[in-house]
Amino acid sequence: RSAIAVDTHVFRVSHRLGLVPKTA
């Protein structure tokens, strides 16, 4: 299925690379 699991690694990288806003 089309799905994205957000663990600690995904959460951290998404913020560090600016893939998501700080409000996420």
PDB file of all heavy atoms in Angstrom:
ATOM      1  N   ARG A   1       0.831  -1.208   0.000  1.00  0.00           N
ATOM      2  CA  ARG A   1       0.000   0.000   0.000  1.00  0.00           C
ATOM      3  C   ARG A   1       0.866   1.260   0.000  1.00  0.00           C
ATOM      4  O   ARG A   1       2.043   1.227   0.364  1.00  0.00           O
ATOM      5  CB  ARG A   1      -0.885   0.022   1.245  1.00  0.00           C
ATOM      6  CG  ARG A   1      -1.888  -1.141   1.349  1.00  0.00           C
ATOM      7  CD  ARG A   1      -3.114  -0.887   0.498  1.00  0.00           C
ATOM      8  NE  ARG A   1      -4.151  -1.869   0.736  1.00  0.00           N
ATOM      9  CZ  ARG A   1      -5.129  -1.741   1.630  1.00  0.00           C
ATOM     10  NH1 ARG A   1      -5.184  -0.670   2.403  1.00  0.00           N
ATOM     11  NH2 ARG A   1      -6.058  -2.668   1.750  1.00  0.00           N
ATOM     12  N   SER A   2       0.272   2.368  -0.376  1.00  0.00           N
ATOM     13  CA  SER A   2       0.943   3.666  -0.282  1.00  0.00           C
ATOM     14  C   SER A   2       0.843   4.122   1.164  1.00  0.00           C
ATOM     15  O   SER A   2      -0.235   4.514   1.625  1.00  0.00           O
ATOM     16  CB  SER A   2       0.281   4.688  -1.204  1.00  0.00           C
ATOM     17  OG  SER A   2       0.401   4.295  -2.555  1.00  0.00           O
ATOM     18  N   ALA A   3       1.934   4.031   1.882  1.00  0.00           N
ATOM     19  CA  ALA A   3       1.928   4.376   3.302  1.00  0.00           C
ATOM     20  C   ALA A   3       3.319   4.808   3.721  1.00  0.00           C
ATOM     21  O   ALA A   3       4.315   4.342   3.172  1.00  0.00           O
ATOM     22  CB  ALA A   3       1.480   3.169   4.139  1.00  0.00           C
ATOM     23  N   ILE A   4       3.375   5.701   4.687  1.00  0.00           N
ATOM     24  CA  ILE A   4       4.651   6.190   5.206  1.00  0.00           C
ATOM     25  C   ILE A   4       4.634   6.087   6.724  1.00  0.00           C
ATOM     26  O   ILE A   4       3.845   6.746   7.396  1.00  0.00           O
ATOM     27  CB  ILE A   4       4.903   7.651   4.793  1.00  0.00           C
ATOM     28  CG1 ILE A   4       4.981   7.777   3.264  1.00  0.00           C
ATOM     29  CG2 ILE A   4       6.196   8.167   5.429  1.00  0.00           C
ATOM     30  CD1 ILE A   4       5.187   9.194   2.775  1.00  0.00           C
ATOM     31  N   ALA A   5       5.488   5.235   7.248  1.00  0.00           N
ATOM     32  CA  ALA A   5       5.608   5.091   8.690  1.00  0.00           C
ATOM     33  C   ALA A   5       6.620   6.114   9.211  1.00  0.00           C
ATOM     34  O   ALA A   5       7.716   6.229   8.671  1.00  0.00           O
ATOM     35  CB  ALA A   5       6.063   3.674   9.046  1.00  0.00           C
ATOM     36  N   VAL A   6       6.248   6.831  10.233  1.00  0.00           N
ATOM     37  CA  VAL A   6       7.127   7.857  10.792  1.00  0.00           C
ATOM     38  C   VAL A   6       7.686   7.368  12.127  1.00  0.00           C
ATOM     39  O   VAL A   6       6.995   7.366  13.143  1.00  0.00           O
ATOM     40  CB  VAL A   6       6.387   9.191  10.978  1.00  0.00           C
ATOM     41  CG1 VAL A   6       7.313  10.224  11.614  1.00  0.00           C
ATOM     42  CG2 VAL A   6       5.871   9.696   9.639  1.00  0.00           C
ATOM     43  N   ASP A   7       8.941   6.932  12.092  1.00  0.00           N
ATOM     44  CA  ASP A   7       9.630   6.570  13.327  1.00  0.00           C
ATOM     45  C   ASP A   7      10.545   7.729  13.719  1.00  0.00           C
ATOM     46  O   ASP A   7      10.470   8.814  13.143  1.00  0.00           O
ATOM     47  CB  ASP A   7      10.408   5.257  13.151  1.00  0.00           C
ATOM     48  CG  ASP A   7      11.547   5.388  12.139  1.00  0.00           C
ATOM     49  OD1 ASP A   7      11.707   6.480  11.527  1.00  0.00           O
ATOM     50  OD2 ASP A   7      12.285   4.405  11.967  1.00  0.00           O
ATOM     51  N   THR A   8      11.414   7.512  14.696  1.00  0.00           N
ATOM     52  CA  THR A   8      12.278   8.603  15.148  1.00  0.00           C
ATOM     53  C   THR A   8      13.229   9.077  14.051  1.00  0.00           C
ATOM     54  O   THR A   8      13.538  10.264  13.961  1.00  0.00           O
ATOM     55  CB  THR A   8      13.098   8.167  16.372  1.00  0.00           C
ATOM     56  OG1 THR A   8      13.842   6.983  16.055  1.00  0.00           O
ATOM     57  CG2 THR A   8      12.201   7.880  17.561  1.00  0.00           C
ATOM     58  N   HIS A   9      13.697   8.146  13.209  1.00  0.00           N
ATOM     59  CA  HIS A   9      14.616   8.525  12.127  1.00  0.00           C
ATOM     60  C   HIS A   9      13.895   9.395  11.092  1.00  0.00           C
ATOM     61  O   HIS A   9      14.409  10.439  10.679  1.00  0.00           O
ATOM     62  CB  HIS A   9      15.170   7.278  11.437  1.00  0.00           C
ATOM     63  CG  HIS A   9      16.020   6.417  12.316  1.00  0.00           C
ATOM     64  ND1 HIS A   9      17.162   6.876  12.929  1.00  0.00           N
ATOM     65  CD2 HIS A   9      15.897   5.114  12.681  1.00  0.00           C
ATOM     66  CE1 HIS A   9      17.708   5.899  13.633  1.00  0.00           C
ATOM     67  NE2 HIS A   9      16.951   4.825  13.508  1.00  0.00           N
ATOM     68  N   VAL A  10      12.724   8.955  10.659  1.00  0.00           N
ATOM     69  CA  VAL A  10      11.968   9.709   9.654  1.00  0.00           C
ATOM     70  C   VAL A  10      11.569  11.068  10.204  1.00  0.00           C
ATOM     71  O   VAL A  10      11.651  12.091   9.505  1.00  0.00           O
ATOM     72  CB  VAL A  10      10.725   8.912   9.206  1.00  0.00           C
ATOM     73  CG1 VAL A  10       9.860   9.743   8.261  1.00  0.00           C
ATOM     74  CG2 VAL A  10      11.146   7.615   8.516  1.00  0.00           C
ATOM     75  N   PHE A  11      11.165  11.107  11.448  1.00  0.00           N
ATOM     76  CA  PHE A  11      10.770  12.381  12.074  1.00  0.00           C
ATOM     77  C   PHE A  11      11.954  13.343  12.106  1.00  0.00           C
ATOM     78  O   PHE A  11      11.827  14.513  11.714  1.00  0.00           O
ATOM     79  CB  PHE A  11      10.271  12.113  13.498  1.00  0.00           C
ATOM     80  CG  PHE A  11       9.640  13.302  14.167  1.00  0.00           C
ATOM     81  CD1 PHE A  11       8.280  13.542  14.050  1.00  0.00           C
ATOM     82  CD2 PHE A  11      10.398  14.189  14.918  1.00  0.00           C
ATOM     83  CE1 PHE A  11       7.688  14.640  14.673  1.00  0.00           C
ATOM     84  CE2 PHE A  11       9.828  15.290  15.536  1.00  0.00           C
ATOM     85  CZ  PHE A  11       8.461  15.516  15.411  1.00  0.00           C
ATOM     86  N   ARG A  12      13.109  12.845  12.539  1.00  0.00           N
ATOM     87  CA  ARG A  12      14.305  13.700  12.653  1.00  0.00           C
ATOM     88  C   ARG A  12      14.772  14.202  11.289  1.00  0.00           C
ATOM     89  O   ARG A  12      15.008  15.408  11.112  1.00  0.00           O
ATOM     90  CB  ARG A  12      15.431  12.905  13.325  1.00  0.00           C
ATOM     91  CG  ARG A  12      16.726  13.694  13.474  1.00  0.00           C
ATOM     92  CD  ARG A  12      17.790  12.899  14.184  1.00  0.00           C
ATOM     93  NE  ARG A  12      18.280  11.744  13.423  1.00  0.00           N
ATOM     94  CZ  ARG A  12      17.963  10.491  13.690  1.00  0.00           C
ATOM     95  NH1 ARG A  12      17.142  10.192  14.683  1.00  0.00           N
ATOM     96  NH2 ARG A  12      18.456   9.513  12.959  1.00  0.00           N
ATOM     97  N   VAL A  13      14.913  13.309  10.331  1.00  0.00           N
ATOM     98  CA  VAL A  13      15.423  13.695   9.014  1.00  0.00           C
ATOM     99  C   VAL A  13      14.463  14.646   8.312  1.00  0.00           C
ATOM    100  O   VAL A  13      14.891  15.607   7.656  1.00  0.00           O
ATOM    101  CB  VAL A  13      15.682  12.445   8.148  1.00  0.00           C
ATOM    102  CG1 VAL A  13      16.014  12.842   6.710  1.00  0.00           C
ATOM    103  CG2 VAL A  13      16.811  11.616   8.747  1.00  0.00           C
ATOM    104  N   SER A  14      13.174  14.403   8.446  1.00  0.00           N
ATOM    105  CA  SER A  14      12.189  15.270   7.798  1.00  0.00           C
ATOM    106  C   SER A  14      12.327  16.706   8.280  1.00  0.00           C
ATOM    107  O   SER A  14      12.201  17.657   7.491  1.00  0.00           O
ATOM    108  CB  SER A  14      10.773  14.746   8.072  1.00  0.00           C
ATOM    109  OG  SER A  14      10.586  13.474   7.500  1.00  0.00           O
ATOM    110  N   HIS A  15      12.608  16.882   9.567  1.00  0.00           N
ATOM    111  CA  HIS A  15      12.794  18.234  10.104  1.00  0.00           C
ATOM    112  C   HIS A  15      14.163  18.792   9.742  1.00  0.00           C
ATOM    113  O   HIS A  15      14.277  19.956   9.328  1.00  0.00           O
ATOM    114  CB  HIS A  15      12.616  18.217  11.626  1.00  0.00           C
ATOM    115  CG  HIS A  15      11.177  18.238  12.056  1.00  0.00           C
ATOM    116  ND1 HIS A  15      10.428  19.388  12.104  1.00  0.00           N
ATOM    117  CD2 HIS A  15      10.343  17.235  12.428  1.00  0.00           C
ATOM    118  CE1 HIS A  15       9.201  19.109  12.495  1.00  0.00           C
ATOM    119  NE2 HIS A  15       9.120  17.809  12.698  1.00  0.00           N
ATOM    120  N   ARG A  16      15.199  18.006   9.849  1.00  0.00           N
ATOM    121  CA  ARG A  16      16.544  18.509   9.569  1.00  0.00           C
ATOM    122  C   ARG A  16      16.700  18.946   8.124  1.00  0.00           C
ATOM    123  O   ARG A  16      17.381  19.930   7.837  1.00  0.00           O
ATOM    124  CB  ARG A  16      17.577  17.429   9.898  1.00  0.00           C
ATOM    125  CG  ARG A  16      17.926  17.347  11.379  1.00  0.00           C
ATOM    126  CD  ARG A  16      19.065  16.386  11.611  1.00  0.00           C
ATOM    127  NE  ARG A  16      19.481  16.375  13.009  1.00  0.00           N
ATOM    128  CZ  ARG A  16      20.319  15.493  13.514  1.00  0.00           C
ATOM    129  NH1 ARG A  16      20.848  14.553  12.745  1.00  0.00           N
ATOM    130  NH2 ARG A  16      20.650  15.536  14.787  1.00  0.00           N
ATOM    131  N   LEU A  17      16.087  18.220   7.205  1.00  0.00           N
ATOM    132  CA  LEU A  17      16.216  18.554   5.786  1.00  0.00           C
ATOM    133  C   LEU A  17      15.177  19.577   5.332  1.00  0.00           C
ATOM    134  O   LEU A  17      15.140  19.947   4.159  1.00  0.00           O
ATOM    135  CB  LEU A  17      16.092  17.289   4.929  1.00  0.00           C
ATOM    136  CG  LEU A  17      17.232  16.280   5.047  1.00  0.00           C
ATOM    137  CD1 LEU A  17      16.998  15.104   4.076  1.00  0.00           C
ATOM    138  CD2 LEU A  17      18.581  16.927   4.756  1.00  0.00           C
ATOM    139  N   GLY A  18      14.338  20.016   6.254  1.00  0.00           N
ATOM    140  CA  GLY A  18      13.333  21.013   5.888  1.00  0.00           C
ATOM    141  C   GLY A  18      12.234  20.451   5.009  1.00  0.00           C
ATOM    142  O   GLY A  18      11.605  21.189   4.240  1.00  0.00           O
ATOM    143  N   LEU A  19      11.984  19.145   5.131  1.00  0.00           N
ATOM    144  CA  LEU A  19      10.911  18.531   4.349  1.00  0.00           C
ATOM    145  C   LEU A  19       9.546  18.830   4.943  1.00  0.00           C
ATOM    146  O   LEU A  19       8.525  18.740   4.264  1.00  0.00           O
ATOM    147  CB  LEU A  19      11.114  17.009   4.274  1.00  0.00           C
ATOM    148  CG  LEU A  19      12.412  16.526   3.629  1.00  0.00           C
ATOM    149  CD1 LEU A  19      12.475  14.993   3.675  1.00  0.00           C
ATOM    150  CD2 LEU A  19      12.523  17.016   2.184  1.00  0.00           C
ATOM    151  N   VAL A  20       9.549  19.179   6.205  1.00  0.00           N
ATOM    152  CA  VAL A  20       8.305  19.519   6.891  1.00  0.00           C
ATOM    153  C   VAL A  20       8.523  20.807   7.673  1.00  0.00           C
ATOM    154  O   VAL A  20       9.651  21.130   8.050  1.00  0.00           O
ATOM    155  CB  VAL A  20       7.861  18.396   7.856  1.00  0.00           C
ATOM    156  CG1 VAL A  20       7.618  17.095   7.097  1.00  0.00           C
ATOM    157  CG2 VAL A  20       8.893  18.167   8.957  1.00  0.00           C
ATOM    158  N   PRO A  21       7.472  21.568   7.941  1.00  0.00           N
ATOM    159  CA  PRO A  21       7.624  22.796   8.731  1.00  0.00           C
ATOM    160  C   PRO A  21       7.779  22.476  10.207  1.00  0.00           C
ATOM    161  O   PRO A  21       7.490  21.358  10.657  1.00  0.00           O
ATOM    162  CB  PRO A  21       6.299  23.526   8.456  1.00  0.00           C
ATOM    163  CG  PRO A  21       5.314  22.429   8.202  1.00  0.00           C
ATOM    164  CD  PRO A  21       6.087  21.375   7.457  1.00  0.00           C
ATOM    165  N   LYS A  22       8.234  23.448  10.970  1.00  0.00           N
ATOM    166  CA  LYS A  22       8.406  23.251  12.410  1.00  0.00           C
ATOM    167  C   LYS A  22       7.086  22.917  13.099  1.00  0.00           C
ATOM    168  O   LYS A  22       7.068  22.270  14.147  1.00  0.00           O
ATOM    169  CB  LYS A  22       9.008  24.503  13.041  1.00  0.00           C
ATOM    170  CG  LYS A  22      10.449  24.775  12.636  1.00  0.00           C
ATOM    171  CD  LYS A  22      10.985  26.014  13.347  1.00  0.00           C
ATOM    172  CE  LYS A  22      12.429  26.290  12.963  1.00  0.00           C
ATOM    173  NZ  LYS A  22      12.961  27.495  13.634  1.00  0.00           N
ATOM    174  N   THR A  23       5.993  23.367  12.496  1.00  0.00           N
ATOM    175  CA  THR A  23       4.679  23.104  13.085  1.00  0.00           C
ATOM    176  C   THR A  23       4.271  21.640  12.964  1.00  0.00           C
ATOM    177  O   THR A  23       3.319  21.214  13.623  1.00  0.00           O
ATOM    178  CB  THR A  23       3.609  23.977  12.404  1.00  0.00           C
ATOM    179  OG1 THR A  23       3.679  23.800  10.983  1.00  0.00           O
ATOM    180  CG2 THR A  23       3.822  25.450  12.738  1.00  0.00           C
ATOM    181  N   ALA A  24       4.992  20.869  12.153  1.00  0.00           N
ATOM    182  CA  ALA A  24       4.712  19.430  12.043  1.00  0.00           C
ATOM    183  C   ALA A  24       5.385  18.738  13.223  1.00  0.00           C
ATOM    184  O   ALA A  24       6.391  18.050  13.094  1.00  0.00           O
ATOM    185  CB  ALA A  24       5.221  18.884  10.717  1.00  0.00           C
TER     186      ALA A  24
END
